Amino acid sequence: MPKKVKKLTIAQKRKERKQWERALLREIRHRRQKNSFAIARSQFHSGVREPALSVYPSHIGDLLPIREFQNISTPKWRYTNDWMKVNAGVWAMDEKDERCLAFTVNLHPDYEHKLKTVTPPVDIREMLRRRVSAELRKVMIGELPTFFFVVEGRTKDRRATVPLHIHGALWANDPSKDDDIRYGLKRACGHYLKNRPKYRSAARLVEAYGLVDRWSIYCMKNIRIGDARLDRRRIAMSRPFSQAAEYWWGIVTGTTDDD
């Protein structure tokens, strides 16, 4: 009699999917480093997507687009998770050669307490996304706020609970606005508001020269760790960042949600 195929549990399926996603992103990163994305870059900058494969020279025709990986079709944009979306967005902005700032901001303790006790309960991630976007619009006049961040409340080793804070990155070309951007990020997280005492070590903002790829992975280190203060979704993205990510993903995988 043929052997029975052991069915995988839901947890095992999720683990296998996660491993495949990580392998796919490593493959994309490897091909980027080998400069095999020259045509994808030109399409991205021109804003015109050519028909898949028909325009690629023979020496990279088998590299792009990546329609299938390890006998599994690459997902369309609407089926990708936030972890993959952030990586796609970081690569998209990297191709634009815009100046990137990595940031970490602690929520003011009073503001964190307010968010946790307000009735009805609010989505802290979405609330902070709106506030960050509003504050950046005040500073980055003439630019669309392009950013992502992750809300977390754990230490790097995941063992201890700490006050809520956000890790993320934003793209701003004018260095003279850095101080105003730092101030805006602090305000978005509840600092400098009326009758609230100052809170030390509130924000860090540094240029990410070629390190945003690694920084984004660090930002998402605790997204699957349980925290009663937060919803399941911890990643927030601005609309311009998400749009750039979606367009770049379509070029690299040769898929669109209209297919």
C-alpha atoms as a PDB file:
ATOM      1  CA  MET A   1       0.000   0.000   0.000  1.00  0.00           C
ATOM      2  CA  PRO A   2       1.237   3.520  -0.779  1.00  0.00           C
ATOM      3  CA  LYS A   3       2.408   5.471   2.209  1.00  0.00           C
ATOM      4  CA  LYS A   4       0.037   8.071   3.519  1.00  0.00           C
ATOM      5  CA  VAL A   5       1.207  11.631   3.003  1.00  0.00           C
ATOM      6  CA  LYS A   6       1.432  13.342   6.333  1.00  0.00           C
ATOM      7  CA  LYS A   7      -0.675  16.489   6.376  1.00  0.00           C
ATOM      8  CA  LEU A   8       0.996  19.629   7.591  1.00  0.00           C
ATOM      9  CA  THR A   9      -0.471  21.618  10.421  1.00  0.00           C
ATOM     10  CA  ILE A  10      -1.395  25.259   9.903  1.00  0.00           C
ATOM     11  CA  ALA A  11       1.691  26.294  11.884  1.00  0.00           C
ATOM     12  CA  GLN A  12       3.926  24.133   9.682  1.00  0.00           C
ATOM     13  CA  LYS A  13       2.397  25.579   6.516  1.00  0.00           C
ATOM     14  CA  ARG A  14       2.986  29.096   7.776  1.00  0.00           C
ATOM     15  CA  LYS A  15       6.576  28.223   8.623  1.00  0.00           C
ATOM     16  CA  GLU A  16       7.186  26.786   5.153  1.00  0.00           C
ATOM     17  CA  ARG A  17       5.608  29.845   3.525  1.00  0.00           C
ATOM     18  CA  LYS A  18       7.760  32.145   5.616  1.00  0.00           C
ATOM     19  CA  GLN A  19      10.903  30.241   4.628  1.00  0.00           C
ATOM     20  CA  TRP A  20       9.919  30.446   0.937  1.00  0.00           C
ATOM     21  CA  GLU A  21       9.285  34.185   1.185  1.00  0.00           C
ATOM     22  CA  ARG A  22      12.677  34.760   2.765  1.00  0.00           C
ATOM     23  CA  ALA A  23      14.363  32.653   0.090  1.00  0.00           C
ATOM     24  CA  LEU A  24      12.558  34.604  -2.657  1.00  0.00           C
ATOM     25  CA  LEU A  25      13.683  37.932  -1.231  1.00  0.00           C
ATOM     26  CA  ARG A  26      17.253  36.648  -0.923  1.00  0.00           C
ATOM     27  CA  GLU A  27      17.113  35.681  -4.612  1.00  0.00           C
ATOM     28  CA  ILE A  28      15.834  39.127  -5.592  1.00  0.00           C
ATOM     29  CA  ARG A  29      18.555  40.757  -3.486  1.00  0.00           C
ATOM     30  CA  HIS A  30      21.189  38.530  -5.106  1.00  0.00           C
ATOM     31  CA  ARG A  31      20.084  39.451  -8.623  1.00  0.00           C
ATOM     32  CA  ARG A  32      20.046  43.136  -7.738  1.00  0.00           C
ATOM     33  CA  GLN A  33      23.627  42.897  -6.529  1.00  0.00           C
ATOM     34  CA  LYS A  34      24.638  41.251  -9.803  1.00  0.00           C
ATOM     35  CA  ASN A  35      23.273  44.301 -11.676  1.00  0.00           C
ATOM     36  CA  SER A  36      20.823  42.159 -13.607  1.00  0.00           C
ATOM     37  CA  PHE A  37      18.018  44.684 -13.024  1.00  0.00           C
ATOM     38  CA  ALA A  38      19.257  47.307 -15.489  1.00  0.00           C
ATOM     39  CA  ILE A  39      16.115  47.177 -17.619  1.00  0.00           C
ATOM     40  CA  ALA A  40      13.811  47.072 -14.613  1.00  0.00           C
ATOM     41  CA  ARG A  41      15.543  50.199 -13.327  1.00  0.00           C
ATOM     42  CA  SER A  42      15.071  52.004 -16.624  1.00  0.00           C
ATOM     43  CA  GLN A  43      11.379  51.050 -16.647  1.00  0.00           C
ATOM     44  CA  PHE A  44      10.952  52.211 -13.064  1.00  0.00           C
ATOM     45  CA  HIS A  45      12.542  55.607 -13.713  1.00  0.00           C
ATOM     46  CA  SER A  46      10.688  56.159 -16.986  1.00  0.00           C
ATOM     47  CA  GLY A  47       7.343  55.141 -15.478  1.00  0.00           C
ATOM     48  CA  VAL A  48       6.633  52.862 -18.457  1.00  0.00           C
ATOM     49  CA  ARG A  49       6.445  49.110 -17.987  1.00  0.00           C
ATOM     50  CA  GLU A  50       7.330  47.171 -21.137  1.00  0.00           C
ATOM     51  CA  PRO A  51       5.798  43.762 -21.979  1.00  0.00           C
ATOM     52  CA  ALA A  52       7.422  41.038 -19.908  1.00  0.00           C
ATOM     53  CA  LEU A  53      10.380  39.152 -21.455  1.00  0.00           C
ATOM     54  CA  SER A  54       9.923  40.574 -24.965  1.00  0.00           C
ATOM     55  CA  VAL A  55      12.269  43.497 -24.307  1.00  0.00           C
ATOM     56  CA  TYR A  56      14.943  41.696 -22.322  1.00  0.00           C
ATOM     57  CA  PRO A  57      18.285  40.863 -23.958  1.00  0.00           C
ATOM     58  CA  SER A  58      19.072  37.183 -24.159  1.00  0.00           C
ATOM     59  CA  HIS A  59      21.748  37.330 -21.461  1.00  0.00           C
ATOM     60  CA  ILE A  60      19.225  38.354 -18.779  1.00  0.00           C
ATOM     61  CA  GLY A  61      16.033  37.069 -20.352  1.00  0.00           C
ATOM     62  CA  ASP A  62      15.979  34.158 -17.910  1.00  0.00           C
ATOM     63  CA  LEU A  63      16.458  36.425 -14.898  1.00  0.00           C
ATOM     64  CA  LEU A  64      13.554  38.817 -15.230  1.00  0.00           C
ATOM     65  CA  PRO A  65      10.765  38.806 -14.443  1.00  0.00           C
ATOM     66  CA  ILE A  66      10.739  36.235 -11.637  1.00  0.00           C
ATOM     67  CA  ARG A  67       7.344  34.688 -12.323  1.00  0.00           C
ATOM     68  CA  GLU A  68       8.114  31.477 -10.463  1.00  0.00           C
ATOM     69  CA  PHE A  69      10.512  30.523  -7.699  1.00  0.00           C
ATOM     70  CA  GLN A  70      11.116  27.002  -6.400  1.00  0.00           C
ATOM     71  CA  ASN A  71       8.135  25.783  -8.460  1.00  0.00           C
ATOM     72  CA  ILE A  72       5.808  28.271  -6.760  1.00  0.00           C
ATOM     73  CA  SER A  73       4.321  31.235  -8.601  1.00  0.00           C
ATOM     74  CA  THR A  74       5.368  34.597  -7.203  1.00  0.00           C
ATOM     75  CA  PRO A  75       2.352  36.272  -5.611  1.00  0.00           C
ATOM     76  CA  LYS A  76       0.530  39.275  -6.977  1.00  0.00           C
ATOM     77  CA  TRP A  77       0.806  42.438  -4.945  1.00  0.00           C
ATOM     78  CA  ARG A  78      -2.507  42.028  -3.138  1.00  0.00           C
ATOM     79  CA  TYR A  79      -1.443  38.583  -1.888  1.00  0.00           C
ATOM     80  CA  THR A  80       1.903  39.684  -0.439  1.00  0.00           C
ATOM     81  CA  ASN A  81       2.213  40.333   3.274  1.00  0.00           C
ATOM     82  CA  ASP A  82       3.423  43.544   4.894  1.00  0.00           C
ATOM     83  CA  TRP A  83       6.904  42.092   5.441  1.00  0.00           C
ATOM     84  CA  MET A  84       7.387  41.611   1.691  1.00  0.00           C
ATOM     85  CA  LYS A  85       5.766  44.960   0.889  1.00  0.00           C
ATOM     86  CA  VAL A  86       8.267  46.834   3.045  1.00  0.00           C
ATOM     87  CA  ASN A  87      11.226  45.104   1.383  1.00  0.00           C
ATOM     88  CA  ALA A  88       9.827  45.893  -2.076  1.00  0.00           C
ATOM     89  CA  GLY A  89       9.307  49.518  -1.061  1.00  0.00           C
ATOM     90  CA  VAL A  90      12.838  49.868   0.295  1.00  0.00           C
ATOM     91  CA  TRP A  91      14.283  48.529  -2.962  1.00  0.00           C
ATOM     92  CA  ALA A  92      12.024  50.806  -5.010  1.00  0.00           C
ATOM     93  CA  MET A  93      13.166  53.897  -3.123  1.00  0.00           C
ATOM     94  CA  ASP A  94      16.770  52.712  -3.322  1.00  0.00           C
ATOM     95  CA  GLU A  95      16.487  52.687  -7.116  1.00  0.00           C
ATOM     96  CA  LYS A  96      15.318  56.302  -7.022  1.00  0.00           C
ATOM     97  CA  ASP A  97      18.587  57.265  -5.268  1.00  0.00           C
ATOM     98  CA  GLU A  98      16.781  59.475  -2.779  1.00  0.00           C
ATOM     99  CA  ARG A  99      18.245  60.402   0.585  1.00  0.00           C
ATOM    100  CA  CYS A 100      17.055  58.038   3.315  1.00  0.00           C
ATOM    101  CA  LEU A 101      16.778  58.728   7.034  1.00  0.00           C
ATOM    102  CA  ALA A 102      16.436  55.939   9.576  1.00  0.00           C
ATOM    103  CA  PHE A 103      14.592  56.852  12.759  1.00  0.00           C
ATOM    104  CA  THR A 104      13.603  55.533  16.169  1.00  0.00           C
ATOM    105  CA  VAL A 105      11.076  57.415  18.295  1.00  0.00           C
ATOM    106  CA  ASN A 106       9.752  56.538  21.747  1.00  0.00           C
ATOM    107  CA  LEU A 107       6.105  57.242  22.482  1.00  0.00           C
ATOM    108  CA  HIS A 108       5.615  59.709  25.296  1.00  0.00           C
ATOM    109  CA  PRO A 109       4.491  57.707  28.390  1.00  0.00           C
ATOM    110  CA  ASP A 110       1.417  59.891  28.877  1.00  0.00           C
ATOM    111  CA  TYR A 111       0.411  59.494  25.229  1.00  0.00           C
ATOM    112  CA  GLU A 112       0.952  55.732  25.347  1.00  0.00           C
ATOM    113  CA  HIS A 113      -1.251  55.521  28.447  1.00  0.00           C
ATOM    114  CA  LYS A 114      -3.926  57.572  26.688  1.00  0.00           C
ATOM    115  CA  LEU A 115      -3.890  55.279  23.640  1.00  0.00           C
ATOM    116  CA  LYS A 116      -4.183  52.167  25.804  1.00  0.00           C
ATOM    117  CA  THR A 117      -7.077  53.454  27.915  1.00  0.00           C
ATOM    118  CA  VAL A 118      -9.163  55.335  25.348  1.00  0.00           C
ATOM    119  CA  THR A 119     -12.696  54.054  24.698  1.00  0.00           C
ATOM    120  CA  PRO A 120     -13.459  52.645  22.194  1.00  0.00           C
ATOM    121  CA  PRO A 121     -10.017  51.079  21.588  1.00  0.00           C
ATOM    122  CA  VAL A 122      -7.986  52.553  18.729  1.00  0.00           C
ATOM    123  CA  ASP A 123      -5.550  51.008  16.264  1.00  0.00           C
ATOM    124  CA  ILE A 124      -2.280  52.462  17.574  1.00  0.00           C
ATOM    125  CA  ARG A 125      -0.444  51.704  14.318  1.00  0.00           C
ATOM    126  CA  GLU A 126      -2.991  53.539  12.165  1.00  0.00           C
ATOM    127  CA  MET A 127      -3.259  56.440  14.597  1.00  0.00           C
ATOM    128  CA  LEU A 128       0.501  56.944  14.538  1.00  0.00           C
ATOM    129  CA  ARG A 129       0.626  56.625  10.745  1.00  0.00           C
ATOM    130  CA  ARG A 130      -1.842  59.463  10.362  1.00  0.00           C
ATOM    131  CA  ARG A 131      -0.041  61.638  12.878  1.00  0.00           C
ATOM    132  CA  VAL A 132       3.399  61.038  11.332  1.00  0.00           C
ATOM    133  CA  SER A 133       2.030  61.792   7.863  1.00  0.00           C
ATOM    134  CA  ALA A 134       0.370  65.012   9.072  1.00  0.00           C
ATOM    135  CA  GLU A 135       3.507  66.247  10.847  1.00  0.00           C
ATOM    136  CA  LEU A 136       5.772  65.497   7.875  1.00  0.00           C
ATOM    137  CA  ARG A 137       3.443  67.366   5.532  1.00  0.00           C
ATOM    138  CA  LYS A 138       3.966  70.481   7.641  1.00  0.00           C
ATOM    139  CA  VAL A 139       7.740  70.202   7.246  1.00  0.00           C
ATOM    140  CA  MET A 140       8.287  68.655   3.812  1.00  0.00           C
ATOM    141  CA  ILE A 141       6.435  71.276   1.792  1.00  0.00           C
ATOM    142  CA  GLY A 142       6.307  70.281  -1.860  1.00  0.00           C
ATOM    143  CA  GLU A 143       7.151  66.634  -1.106  1.00  0.00           C
ATOM    144  CA  LEU A 144       4.873  63.694  -0.430  1.00  0.00           C
ATOM    145  CA  PRO A 145       5.732  62.010   2.898  1.00  0.00           C
ATOM    146  CA  THR A 146       7.331  58.700   1.951  1.00  0.00           C
ATOM    147  CA  PHE A 147       7.946  56.464   4.945  1.00  0.00           C
ATOM    148  CA  PHE A 148       7.327  53.216   6.748  1.00  0.00           C
ATOM    149  CA  PHE A 149       7.629  52.260  10.387  1.00  0.00           C
ATOM    150  CA  VAL A 150       6.961  49.399  12.774  1.00  0.00           C
ATOM    151  CA  VAL A 151       5.413  49.734  16.229  1.00  0.00           C
ATOM    152  CA  GLU A 152       6.940  47.496  18.872  1.00  0.00           C
ATOM    153  CA  GLY A 153       7.350  47.142  22.604  1.00  0.00           C
ATOM    154  CA  ARG A 154      10.032  44.474  23.022  1.00  0.00           C
ATOM    155  CA  THR A 155      13.793  44.444  23.467  1.00  0.00           C
ATOM    156  CA  LYS A 156      16.096  43.202  20.723  1.00  0.00           C
ATOM    157  CA  ASP A 157      16.328  39.736  22.325  1.00  0.00           C
ATOM    158  CA  ARG A 158      12.477  39.662  22.602  1.00  0.00           C
ATOM    159  CA  ARG A 159      12.606  38.732  26.283  1.00  0.00           C
ATOM    160  CA  ALA A 160      11.549  41.932  28.007  1.00  0.00           C
ATOM    161  CA  THR A 161       8.670  44.342  27.516  1.00  0.00           C
ATOM    162  CA  VAL A 162       9.608  48.010  27.099  1.00  0.00           C
ATOM    163  CA  PRO A 163       7.631  51.204  26.408  1.00  0.00           C
ATOM    164  CA  LEU A 164       6.164  51.392  22.924  1.00  0.00           C
ATOM    165  CA  HIS A 165       8.348  52.925  20.220  1.00  0.00           C
ATOM    166  CA  ILE A 166       8.597  53.009  16.435  1.00  0.00           C
ATOM    167  CA  HIS A 167      11.463  52.051  14.113  1.00  0.00           C
ATOM    168  CA  GLY A 168      11.313  53.160  10.505  1.00  0.00           C
ATOM    169  CA  ALA A 169      12.716  55.091   7.571  1.00  0.00           C
ATOM    170  CA  LEU A 170      11.682  58.107   5.538  1.00  0.00           C
ATOM    171  CA  TRP A 171      12.969  59.722   2.373  1.00  0.00           C
ATOM    172  CA  ALA A 172      13.810  63.457   2.385  1.00  0.00           C
ATOM    173  CA  ASN A 173      16.240  65.184   0.033  1.00  0.00           C
ATOM    174  CA  ASP A 174      16.805  68.428   1.954  1.00  0.00           C
ATOM    175  CA  PRO A 175      19.270  68.020   4.884  1.00  0.00           C
ATOM    176  CA  SER A 176      18.328  71.457   6.222  1.00  0.00           C
ATOM    177  CA  LYS A 177      14.939  70.069   7.271  1.00  0.00           C
ATOM    178  CA  ASP A 178      16.324  67.258   9.443  1.00  0.00           C
ATOM    179  CA  ASP A 179      15.796  69.077  12.743  1.00  0.00           C
ATOM    180  CA  ASP A 180      12.231  69.978  11.790  1.00  0.00           C
ATOM    181  CA  ILE A 181      11.582  66.368  10.760  1.00  0.00           C
ATOM    182  CA  ARG A 182      12.906  65.126  14.108  1.00  0.00           C
ATOM    183  CA  TYR A 183      10.667  67.601  15.901  1.00  0.00           C
ATOM    184  CA  GLY A 184       7.663  66.495  13.822  1.00  0.00           C
ATOM    185  CA  LEU A 185       8.285  62.820  14.574  1.00  0.00           C
ATOM    186  CA  LYS A 186       8.422  63.601  18.291  1.00  0.00           C
ATOM    187  CA  ARG A 187       5.147  65.517  18.123  1.00  0.00           C
ATOM    188  CA  ALA A 188       3.515  62.631  16.250  1.00  0.00           C
ATOM    189  CA  CYS A 189       4.478  60.360  19.147  1.00  0.00           C
ATOM    190  CA  GLY A 190       3.026  62.643  21.797  1.00  0.00           C
ATOM    191  CA  HIS A 191       5.971  64.877  22.733  1.00  0.00           C
ATOM    192  CA  TYR A 192       5.950  68.688  23.025  1.00  0.00           C
ATOM    193  CA  LEU A 193       2.202  68.758  23.598  1.00  0.00           C
ATOM    194  CA  LYS A 194       0.554  70.954  26.196  1.00  0.00           C
ATOM    195  CA  ASN A 195       1.101  70.074  29.869  1.00  0.00           C
ATOM    196  CA  ARG A 196       3.284  67.047  29.080  1.00  0.00           C
ATOM    197  CA  PRO A 197       6.738  66.856  30.698  1.00  0.00           C
ATOM    198  CA  LYS A 198       9.771  66.363  28.467  1.00  0.00           C
ATOM    199  CA  TYR A 199      10.895  62.777  27.976  1.00  0.00           C
ATOM    200  CA  ARG A 200      14.603  62.196  27.380  1.00  0.00           C
ATOM    201  CA  SER A 201      15.977  60.066  24.533  1.00  0.00           C
ATOM    202  CA  ALA A 202      12.817  60.647  22.584  1.00  0.00           C
ATOM    203  CA  ALA A 203      14.077  60.334  19.002  1.00  0.00           C
ATOM    204  CA  ARG A 204      17.076  59.349  16.883  1.00  0.00           C
ATOM    205  CA  LEU A 205      17.370  60.309  13.206  1.00  0.00           C
ATOM    206  CA  VAL A 206      20.385  59.333  11.069  1.00  0.00           C
ATOM    207  CA  GLU A 207      21.176  59.016   7.381  1.00  0.00           C
ATOM    208  CA  ALA A 208      21.155  55.412   6.159  1.00  0.00           C
ATOM    209  CA  TYR A 209      23.907  55.179   3.570  1.00  0.00           C
ATOM    210  CA  GLY A 210      23.302  51.846   1.844  1.00  0.00           C
ATOM    211  CA  LEU A 211      22.073  50.276   5.084  1.00  0.00           C
ATOM    212  CA  VAL A 212      18.317  50.761   4.768  1.00  0.00           C
ATOM    213  CA  ASP A 213      17.961  47.177   3.469  1.00  0.00           C
ATOM    214  CA  ARG A 214      19.392  45.786   6.720  1.00  0.00           C
ATOM    215  CA  TRP A 215      17.657  48.431   8.803  1.00  0.00           C
ATOM    216  CA  SER A 216      14.226  47.434   7.455  1.00  0.00           C
ATOM    217  CA  ILE A 217      14.859  43.815   8.478  1.00  0.00           C
ATOM    218  CA  TYR A 218      15.870  44.964  11.969  1.00  0.00           C
ATOM    219  CA  CYS A 219      12.718  47.097  12.220  1.00  0.00           C
ATOM    220  CA  MET A 220      10.532  44.039  11.598  1.00  0.00           C
ATOM    221  CA  LYS A 221      12.290  41.704  14.032  1.00  0.00           C
ATOM    222  CA  ASN A 222       9.377  41.591  16.513  1.00  0.00           C
ATOM    223  CA  ILE A 223       6.317  41.819  14.268  1.00  0.00           C
ATOM    224  CA  ARG A 224       5.209  38.283  15.105  1.00  0.00           C
ATOM    225  CA  ILE A 225       5.846  38.500  18.852  1.00  0.00           C
ATOM    226  CA  GLY A 226       2.691  38.814  20.931  1.00  0.00           C
ATOM    227  CA  ASP A 227       2.001  42.086  22.715  1.00  0.00           C
ATOM    228  CA  ALA A 228      -1.335  42.775  24.418  1.00  0.00           C
ATOM    229  CA  ARG A 229      -0.940  46.512  23.788  1.00  0.00           C
ATOM    230  CA  LEU A 230      -0.853  46.115  20.003  1.00  0.00           C
ATOM    231  CA  ASP A 231      -2.957  44.626  17.245  1.00  0.00           C
ATOM    232  CA  ARG A 232      -1.617  41.850  15.065  1.00  0.00           C
ATOM    233  CA  ARG A 233      -0.558  44.282  12.319  1.00  0.00           C
ATOM    234  CA  ARG A 234       2.392  46.425  13.395  1.00  0.00           C
ATOM    235  CA  ILE A 235       3.691  47.829  10.072  1.00  0.00           C
ATOM    236  CA  ALA A 236       2.568  51.210   8.761  1.00  0.00           C
ATOM    237  CA  MET A 237       3.339  52.592   5.284  1.00  0.00           C
ATOM    238  CA  SER A 238       2.549  55.910   3.666  1.00  0.00           C
ATOM    239  CA  ARG A 239       0.651  55.860   0.396  1.00  0.00           C
ATOM    240  CA  PRO A 240       3.593  57.098  -1.752  1.00  0.00           C
ATOM    241  CA  PHE A 241       5.827  54.383  -0.271  1.00  0.00           C
ATOM    242  CA  SER A 242       3.211  51.693  -0.917  1.00  0.00           C
ATOM    243  CA  GLN A 243       2.663  52.877  -4.495  1.00  0.00           C
ATOM    244  CA  ALA A 244       6.382  52.779  -5.298  1.00  0.00           C
ATOM    245  CA  ALA A 245       6.608  49.303  -3.761  1.00  0.00           C
ATOM    246  CA  GLU A 246       3.655  47.985  -5.750  1.00  0.00           C
ATOM    247  CA  TYR A 247       5.006  49.320  -9.037  1.00  0.00           C
ATOM    248  CA  TRP A 248       8.482  47.877  -8.415  1.00  0.00           C
ATOM    249  CA  TRP A 249       7.028  44.500  -7.388  1.00  0.00           C
ATOM    250  CA  GLY A 250       5.086  44.352 -10.634  1.00  0.00           C
ATOM    251  CA  ILE A 251       8.243  44.967 -12.670  1.00  0.00           C
ATOM    252  CA  VAL A 252      10.328  42.388 -10.811  1.00  0.00           C
ATOM    253  CA  THR A 253       7.706  39.620 -10.798  1.00  0.00           C
ATOM    254  CA  GLY A 254       5.931  40.444 -14.051  1.00  0.00           C
ATOM    255  CA  THR A 255       2.566  40.449 -12.301  1.00  0.00           C
ATOM    256  CA  THR A 256      -0.195  42.998 -11.867  1.00  0.00           C
ATOM    257  CA  ASP A 257      -3.399  42.799  -9.875  1.00  0.00           C
ATOM    258  CA  ASP A 258      -5.286  43.250 -13.143  1.00  0.00           C
ATOM    259  CA  ASP A 259      -3.980  39.923 -14.528  1.00  0.00           C
END
